[in-house]
Protein backbone atom coordinates (compact mmCIF):
# COMPACT_ATOMS: atom_id res chain seq x y z
CA MET A 1 2.46 142.77 203.19
CA ALA A 2 4.87 145.67 203.49
CA ARG A 3 8.52 144.96 202.80
CA HIS A 4 10.87 146.62 205.28
CA GLY A 5 14.29 145.56 204.02
CA VAL A 6 16.72 142.71 204.55
CA HIS A 7 15.95 140.46 207.53
CA HIS A 8 19.36 138.79 207.64
CA ILE A 9 22.45 138.00 205.63
CA GLY A 10 23.61 134.38 205.90
CA LEU A 11 27.37 133.74 205.90
CA ALA A 12 29.82 131.04 206.97
CA THR A 13 32.89 130.86 209.16
CA HIS A 14 35.63 128.43 210.13
CA ASP A 15 36.37 130.40 213.32
CA PRO A 16 33.24 131.28 215.31
CA GLU A 17 35.10 132.83 218.23
CA ALA A 18 37.09 135.25 216.02
CA THR A 19 33.87 136.11 214.19
CA ILE A 20 31.99 136.79 217.43
CA LYS A 21 34.85 138.91 218.75
CA PHE A 22 35.05 140.97 215.54
CA TYR A 23 31.35 141.72 215.22
CA THR A 24 30.81 142.49 218.91
CA GLU A 25 34.08 144.23 219.83
CA LYS A 26 35.00 145.91 216.54
CA LEU A 27 31.59 146.71 215.04
CA GLY A 28 29.71 146.94 218.34
CA TRP A 29 26.89 144.65 217.26
CA THR A 30 24.89 142.54 219.70
CA TYR A 31 25.33 138.76 219.73
CA VAL A 32 21.73 137.57 220.01
CA LEU A 33 21.42 133.88 219.14
CA ASN A 34 23.46 130.70 219.30
CA ASP A 35 21.77 127.61 217.90
CA LEU A 36 23.06 124.11 217.18
CA LEU A 37 21.73 122.40 214.08
CA ARG A 38 22.15 118.64 213.69
CA PRO A 39 21.80 117.52 210.06
CA GLY A 40 20.36 114.04 209.60
CA SER A 41 23.49 113.03 207.68
CA GLY A 42 25.70 113.67 210.72
CA GLY A 43 27.90 116.35 212.19
CA SER A 44 26.66 119.68 213.46
CA MET A 45 26.36 123.31 212.47
CA ARG A 46 26.68 126.14 214.94
CA HIS A 47 24.28 128.88 213.84
CA PHE A 48 24.77 132.24 215.50
CA TRP A 49 23.32 135.68 214.90
CA PHE A 50 24.20 139.35 215.40
CA ASP A 51 21.80 142.28 215.62
CA THR A 52 23.28 145.04 213.43
CA GLY A 53 21.34 147.73 215.29
CA ASP A 54 19.11 148.75 212.37
CA GLY A 55 16.54 145.95 212.43
CA SER A 56 18.56 143.48 210.35
CA TYR A 57 20.86 140.62 211.30
CA PHE A 58 23.97 138.75 210.18
CA ALA A 59 23.78 134.99 210.72
CA PHE A 60 26.79 132.69 210.50
CA LEU A 61 27.01 128.93 210.10
CA HIS A 62 29.99 126.92 211.29
CA PRO A 63 29.72 123.35 209.98
CA LYS A 64 31.64 120.62 211.77
CA ASP A 65 32.00 117.11 210.34
CA VAL A 66 28.93 117.41 208.10
CA PRO A 67 29.13 114.90 205.25
CA GLY A 68 29.30 116.65 201.88
CA ILE A 69 30.56 119.97 203.27
CA PRO A 70 34.32 120.38 202.79
CA SER A 71 36.32 121.53 205.80
CA ASN A 72 38.27 124.12 203.81
CA PHE A 73 35.72 126.00 201.71
CA ALA A 74 36.22 129.71 201.05
CA THR A 75 34.25 131.83 203.51
CA ASP A 76 35.05 135.08 201.69
CA ILE A 77 32.75 134.17 198.73
CA GLY A 78 34.83 135.80 195.95
CA SER A 79 37.95 133.65 196.16
CA GLY A 80 35.88 130.48 195.95
CA LEU A 81 34.45 131.81 192.71
CA GLY A 82 37.79 133.11 191.44
CA VAL A 83 36.78 136.76 191.40
CA PRO A 84 38.10 139.84 193.26
CA ARG A 85 36.95 140.48 196.84
CA GLY A 86 34.97 143.56 195.80
CA PHE A 87 32.66 141.61 193.50
CA TYR A 88 30.81 140.11 196.49
CA HIS A 89 30.61 142.48 199.42
CA ILE A 90 28.08 143.79 201.90
CA ALA A 91 27.47 147.53 202.19
CA LEU A 92 26.08 148.83 205.46
CA TRP A 93 24.10 152.04 205.70
CA VAL A 94 25.12 155.24 207.51
CA ASP A 95 23.08 158.43 207.31
CA ASP A 96 25.60 160.88 205.87
CA VAL A 97 29.30 161.51 205.23
CA ALA A 98 29.82 162.95 208.74
CA ALA A 99 28.45 159.71 210.24
CA LEU A 100 30.60 157.74 207.79
CA GLU A 101 33.76 159.58 208.87
CA ALA A 102 32.86 159.03 212.54
CA LYS A 103 32.27 155.30 211.91
CA GLN A 104 35.61 155.00 210.08
CA LYS A 105 37.48 156.70 212.96
CA LEU A 106 35.74 154.45 215.50
CA LEU A 107 36.63 151.26 213.62
CA ILE A 108 40.24 152.36 213.14
CA SER A 109 40.46 153.11 216.89
CA ARG A 110 39.25 149.53 217.49
CA GLY A 111 41.99 148.10 215.28
CA VAL A 112 40.05 147.60 212.05
CA ASP A 113 42.07 148.13 208.87
CA ALA A 114 39.56 150.47 207.21
CA SER A 115 40.35 151.88 203.78
CA LEU A 116 40.54 155.53 202.90
CA LEU A 117 37.23 157.15 202.00
CA VAL A 118 36.12 156.53 198.43
CA ASP A 119 33.83 159.02 196.65
CA HIS A 120 31.74 157.20 194.05
CA ASP A 121 29.84 160.40 193.16
CA TYR A 122 26.42 159.07 194.25
CA CYS A 123 27.81 157.69 197.53
CA THR A 124 30.91 157.79 199.72
CA SER A 125 32.21 154.72 201.50
CA PHE A 126 35.10 152.85 203.06
CA TYR A 127 35.96 149.16 202.98
CA PHE A 128 37.33 146.55 205.38
CA THR A 129 37.22 142.79 205.85
CA ASP A 130 36.03 140.56 208.65
CA PRO A 131 38.05 137.58 209.99
CA ASN A 132 36.47 135.36 207.32
CA GLY A 133 37.79 137.54 204.47
CA ILE A 134 34.31 138.93 203.75
CA GLN A 135 34.54 142.45 202.38
CA LEU A 136 32.32 144.90 204.21
CA GLU A 137 31.62 148.53 203.41
CA TYR A 138 30.03 151.40 205.28
CA CYS A 139 28.30 153.69 202.81
CA ALA A 140 26.55 157.07 202.84
CA THR A 141 24.35 158.13 199.95
CA ASN A 142 25.42 161.55 198.63
CA ARG A 143 22.46 162.32 196.43
CA ALA A 144 19.26 160.87 195.03
CA PHE A 145 19.58 158.78 191.91
CA ASN A 146 18.16 160.38 188.79
CA GLU A 147 17.13 159.27 185.30
CA GLY A 148 20.51 160.31 183.86
CA ASP A 149 22.31 157.88 186.20
CA LYS A 150 21.18 155.02 183.96
CA ASP A 151 23.52 156.32 181.25
CA MET A 152 26.86 154.68 181.97
CA ASN A 153 28.75 157.79 180.89
CA SER A 154 26.90 160.31 183.04
CA VAL A 155 28.02 159.29 186.53
CA GLY A 156 31.15 160.91 187.92
CA THR A 157 34.35 159.01 188.48
CA THR A 158 35.30 157.11 191.61
CA THR A 159 37.91 159.02 193.60
CA VAL A 160 39.85 157.83 196.60
CA LEU A 161 39.95 160.84 198.90
CA THR A 162 43.68 161.27 199.40
CA ASP A 163 46.58 163.25 198.00
CA ASP A 164 48.69 160.09 197.90
CA PRO A 165 48.39 158.22 194.57
CA VAL A 166 50.10 155.11 196.02
CA ALA A 167 47.54 154.92 198.84
CA ALA A 168 44.71 155.48 196.34
CA GLN A 169 46.01 152.68 194.12
CA LYS A 170 46.20 150.32 197.10
CA VAL A 171 42.52 150.89 197.96
CA LEU A 172 41.38 150.27 194.39
CA THR A 173 43.61 147.22 193.99
CA ASP A 174 42.41 145.78 197.32
CA MET A 175 38.78 146.19 196.17
CA MET A 176 39.06 144.82 192.65
CA SER A 177 42.43 143.01 192.56
CA VAL A 178 43.43 144.91 189.45
CA ALA A 179 45.41 148.07 188.89
CA ALA A 180 43.21 151.06 188.30
CA VAL A 181 43.92 154.37 186.67
CA VAL A 182 44.66 156.94 189.36
CA PRO A 183 44.70 160.56 188.25
CA GLU A 184 47.92 162.46 188.63
CA ILE A 185 47.97 164.80 191.59
CA GLU A 186 49.59 168.18 191.14
CA ALA A 187 52.00 169.32 193.81
CA ALA A 188 50.65 172.06 196.06
CA GLY A 189 52.14 175.52 195.63
């Protein structure tokens, strides 16, 4: 059997309506399924899906009064585990940097707080969060991986594409919740 990629990513929400609004109005995805699950122990779980447009889906569960499921669990994954937001995130594919820049401009025009572009050497991306605190990323591959990439010292450095070191620091801190070394930028002229 041929493997074609990820079928769906399963996530959770406390606010289905905000989640539906974000994924349909901000990201432009299609809301395709709304199901109601009734666990034998009681309560219910709304189970709803979005078509991402590339053959894969995001599915969300919204539990209500289900015994054994707390009403205040962390939906952003990382905070519940006590790690920075960037440790658990979902990166979405775009074909190239031009498409990435267009996607970033579109999301910003729709009110999404998208980060500056980040050049990781092998890919370029930008980051944002959904209403559940889940960190998302749109990413374009810059080059094919090679054998030398397995050597931790061979890959280039991550660079936030800006002339503003304060803005660069904010992006890196938002991703990893720690201060990062930002290279000094020489004044033009």
